[in-house]
Amino acid sequence: MDGKILTSYCLSKKGATEDYPFGPDVLVIKVSSKMFALISMKANKLNISLKCDPFLADNLRQQYASVTPGYHLNKKHWNTIVVDGSISEQELYWMIDHSYELVLNSLTKIEREAI
């Protein structure tokens, strides 16, 4: 999977927007004003950081070597995934969906209704 496909999938979520608050090398994808995905290249490898339920975050880290605690993020609630083919596209899409839903559900009722 390449960065364009990953970005397109994230941006296909209702209300998703892209931003570069950390500079041109880190694409931040938000729903309303909250981040649910960060996409970047690190050591010539595509990375995506996603919000995750803490119990699931630990489980995914144990299950996949390419899943680590969130890089420069709250390590309890965020995972960084190296997109190297070791995780199926279907599983990666599920992780993106999970992150989006967590963030969407954390928005106020007014913010959710605006989306």
C-alpha atoms as a PDB file:
ATOM      1  CA  MET A   1       0.000   0.000   0.000  1.00  0.00           C
ATOM      2  CA  ASP A   2       1.332   3.441  -0.813  1.00  0.00           C
ATOM      3  CA  GLY A   3       0.815   6.816   0.817  1.00  0.00           C
ATOM      4  CA  LYS A   4      -1.688   8.030  -1.769  1.00  0.00           C
ATOM      5  CA  ILE A   5      -4.034   5.092  -1.167  1.00  0.00           C
ATOM      6  CA  LEU A   6      -3.684   5.478   2.592  1.00  0.00           C
ATOM      7  CA  THR A   7      -4.359   9.209   2.414  1.00  0.00           C
ATOM      8  CA  SER A   8      -7.339   8.760   0.082  1.00  0.00           C
ATOM      9  CA  TYR A   9      -8.890   6.206   2.404  1.00  0.00           C
ATOM     10  CA  CYS A  10      -8.502   8.486   5.427  1.00  0.00           C
ATOM     11  CA  LEU A  11      -9.899  11.467   3.552  1.00  0.00           C
ATOM     12  CA  SER A  12     -12.897   9.420   2.384  1.00  0.00           C
ATOM     13  CA  LYS A  13     -14.208   9.517   5.952  1.00  0.00           C
ATOM     14  CA  LYS A  14     -17.092  11.920   6.456  1.00  0.00           C
ATOM     15  CA  GLY A  15     -15.828  15.320   7.598  1.00  0.00           C
ATOM     16  CA  ALA A  16     -12.130  14.398   7.210  1.00  0.00           C
ATOM     17  CA  THR A  17      -9.718  17.184   6.299  1.00  0.00           C
ATOM     18  CA  GLU A  18      -5.984  17.379   5.832  1.00  0.00           C
ATOM     19  CA  ASP A  19      -3.575  19.760   7.518  1.00  0.00           C
ATOM     20  CA  TYR A  20       0.170  20.238   8.003  1.00  0.00           C
ATOM     21  CA  PRO A  21       0.474  21.795  11.492  1.00  0.00           C
ATOM     22  CA  PHE A  22       3.832  20.072  12.148  1.00  0.00           C
ATOM     23  CA  GLY A  23       5.453  21.081   8.857  1.00  0.00           C
ATOM     24  CA  PRO A  24       5.423  19.752   5.296  1.00  0.00           C
ATOM     25  CA  ASP A  25       6.628  16.252   6.194  1.00  0.00           C
ATOM     26  CA  VAL A  26       3.709  15.153   8.372  1.00  0.00           C
ATOM     27  CA  LEU A  27       0.194  14.997   6.949  1.00  0.00           C
ATOM     28  CA  VAL A  28      -2.391  15.273   9.717  1.00  0.00           C
ATOM     29  CA  ILE A  29      -5.912  14.102   8.981  1.00  0.00           C
ATOM     30  CA  LYS A  30      -8.625  15.455  11.245  1.00  0.00           C
ATOM     31  CA  VAL A  31     -12.310  15.133  11.805  1.00  0.00           C
ATOM     32  CA  SER A  32     -13.598  18.494  13.003  1.00  0.00           C
ATOM     33  CA  SER A  33     -10.590  19.887  14.897  1.00  0.00           C
ATOM     34  CA  LYS A  34      -9.223  16.570  16.214  1.00  0.00           C
ATOM     35  CA  MET A  35      -6.527  14.372  14.675  1.00  0.00           C
ATOM     36  CA  PHE A  36      -7.258  10.758  13.863  1.00  0.00           C
ATOM     37  CA  ALA A  37      -4.312   9.962  11.559  1.00  0.00           C
ATOM     38  CA  LEU A  38      -0.800  11.235  10.942  1.00  0.00           C
ATOM     39  CA  ILE A  39       1.025  10.050   7.820  1.00  0.00           C
ATOM     40  CA  SER A  40       4.754  10.507   7.298  1.00  0.00           C
ATOM     41  CA  MET A  41       7.939   8.981   5.960  1.00  0.00           C
ATOM     42  CA  LYS A  42      10.576   7.983   8.495  1.00  0.00           C
ATOM     43  CA  ALA A  43      13.813   6.257   7.466  1.00  0.00           C
ATOM     44  CA  ASN A  44      12.325   5.859   3.960  1.00  0.00           C
ATOM     45  CA  LYS A  45       9.373   3.926   5.368  1.00  0.00           C
ATOM     46  CA  LEU A  46       5.731   4.962   5.256  1.00  0.00           C
ATOM     47  CA  ASN A  47       4.259   5.418   8.743  1.00  0.00           C
ATOM     48  CA  ILE A  48       0.748   6.098   9.958  1.00  0.00           C
ATOM     49  CA  SER A  49      -0.117   6.975  13.526  1.00  0.00           C
ATOM     50  CA  LEU A  50      -3.637   6.190  14.669  1.00  0.00           C
ATOM     51  CA  LYS A  51      -5.642   6.630  17.841  1.00  0.00           C
ATOM     52  CA  CYS A  52      -6.549   3.340  19.493  1.00  0.00           C
ATOM     53  CA  ASP A  53      -8.352   2.001  22.541  1.00  0.00           C
ATOM     54  CA  PRO A  54      -5.570   1.355  25.106  1.00  0.00           C
ATOM     55  CA  PHE A  55      -6.372  -2.363  25.499  1.00  0.00           C
ATOM     56  CA  LEU A  56      -6.409  -2.875  21.730  1.00  0.00           C
ATOM     57  CA  ALA A  57      -3.258  -0.779  21.341  1.00  0.00           C
ATOM     58  CA  ASP A  58      -1.302  -3.177  23.556  1.00  0.00           C
ATOM     59  CA  ASN A  59      -2.802  -6.192  21.800  1.00  0.00           C
ATOM     60  CA  LEU A  60      -1.830  -4.877  18.348  1.00  0.00           C
ATOM     61  CA  ARG A  61       1.719  -4.110  19.542  1.00  0.00           C
ATOM     62  CA  GLN A  62       2.088  -7.700  20.735  1.00  0.00           C
ATOM     63  CA  GLN A  63       0.593  -9.097  17.544  1.00  0.00           C
ATOM     64  CA  TYR A  64       2.607  -7.049  15.007  1.00  0.00           C
ATOM     65  CA  ALA A  65       6.264  -5.998  15.106  1.00  0.00           C
ATOM     66  CA  SER A  66       5.396  -3.058  12.832  1.00  0.00           C
ATOM     67  CA  VAL A  67       3.034  -1.560  15.451  1.00  0.00           C
ATOM     68  CA  THR A  68       4.736   0.515  18.142  1.00  0.00           C
ATOM     69  CA  PRO A  69       3.631   3.111  20.697  1.00  0.00           C
ATOM     70  CA  GLY A  70       2.737   6.415  19.053  1.00  0.00           C
ATOM     71  CA  TYR A  71       5.776   8.374  17.897  1.00  0.00           C
ATOM     72  CA  HIS A  72       5.704  11.768  19.681  1.00  0.00           C
ATOM     73  CA  LEU A  73       2.126  11.043  20.796  1.00  0.00           C
ATOM     74  CA  ASN A  74       0.380   9.741  23.920  1.00  0.00           C
ATOM     75  CA  LYS A  75       1.712   6.188  23.930  1.00  0.00           C
ATOM     76  CA  LYS A  76      -1.304   4.856  25.802  1.00  0.00           C
ATOM     77  CA  HIS A  77      -3.788   6.004  23.158  1.00  0.00           C
ATOM     78  CA  TRP A  78      -1.796   6.100  19.898  1.00  0.00           C
ATOM     79  CA  ASN A  79       0.023   3.529  17.762  1.00  0.00           C
ATOM     80  CA  THR A  80       2.472   4.172  14.965  1.00  0.00           C
ATOM     81  CA  ILE A  81       2.388   1.569  12.214  1.00  0.00           C
ATOM     82  CA  VAL A  82       5.142   1.009   9.669  1.00  0.00           C
ATOM     83  CA  VAL A  83       3.302   0.246   6.425  1.00  0.00           C
ATOM     84  CA  ASP A  84       5.591  -2.512   5.169  1.00  0.00           C
ATOM     85  CA  GLY A  85       3.135  -5.181   4.042  1.00  0.00           C
ATOM     86  CA  SER A  86       3.260  -7.133   7.304  1.00  0.00           C
ATOM     87  CA  ILE A  87      -0.307  -6.017   8.101  1.00  0.00           C
ATOM     88  CA  SER A  88      -3.039  -6.741   5.588  1.00  0.00           C
ATOM     89  CA  GLU A  89      -4.799  -3.829   3.900  1.00  0.00           C
ATOM     90  CA  GLN A  90      -8.045  -4.986   5.472  1.00  0.00           C
ATOM     91  CA  GLU A  91      -6.548  -4.874   8.993  1.00  0.00           C
ATOM     92  CA  LEU A  92      -4.972  -1.471   8.325  1.00  0.00           C
ATOM     93  CA  TYR A  93      -8.309  -0.112   7.097  1.00  0.00           C
ATOM     94  CA  TRP A  94      -9.929  -1.470  10.270  1.00  0.00           C
ATOM     95  CA  MET A  95      -7.328   0.405  12.371  1.00  0.00           C
ATOM     96  CA  ILE A  96      -8.080   3.626  10.477  1.00  0.00           C
ATOM     97  CA  ASP A  97     -11.828   3.103  10.932  1.00  0.00           C
ATOM     98  CA  HIS A  98     -11.322   2.471  14.664  1.00  0.00           C
ATOM     99  CA  SER A  99      -9.265   5.658  15.058  1.00  0.00           C
ATOM    100  CA  TYR A 100     -11.830   7.714  13.147  1.00  0.00           C
ATOM    101  CA  GLU A 101     -14.718   6.346  15.229  1.00  0.00           C
ATOM    102  CA  LEU A 102     -12.913   7.011  18.534  1.00  0.00           C
ATOM    103  CA  VAL A 103     -12.255  10.611  17.563  1.00  0.00           C
ATOM    104  CA  LEU A 104     -15.709  11.146  16.051  1.00  0.00           C
ATOM    105  CA  ASN A 105     -17.343   9.841  19.226  1.00  0.00           C
ATOM    106  CA  SER A 106     -15.225  12.186  21.345  1.00  0.00           C
ATOM    107  CA  LEU A 107     -16.614  15.252  19.571  1.00  0.00           C
ATOM    108  CA  THR A 108     -19.416  17.267  21.070  1.00  0.00           C
ATOM    109  CA  LYS A 109     -22.925  16.605  19.835  1.00  0.00           C
ATOM    110  CA  ILE A 110     -22.892  19.939  17.993  1.00  0.00           C
ATOM    111  CA  GLU A 111     -19.597  19.079  16.258  1.00  0.00           C
ATOM    112  CA  ARG A 112     -20.891  15.619  15.250  1.00  0.00           C
ATOM    113  CA  GLU A 113     -24.120  17.076  13.885  1.00  0.00           C
ATOM    114  CA  ALA A 114     -22.141  19.605  11.818  1.00  0.00           C
ATOM    115  CA  ILE A 115     -20.420  16.707  10.069  1.00  0.00           C
END
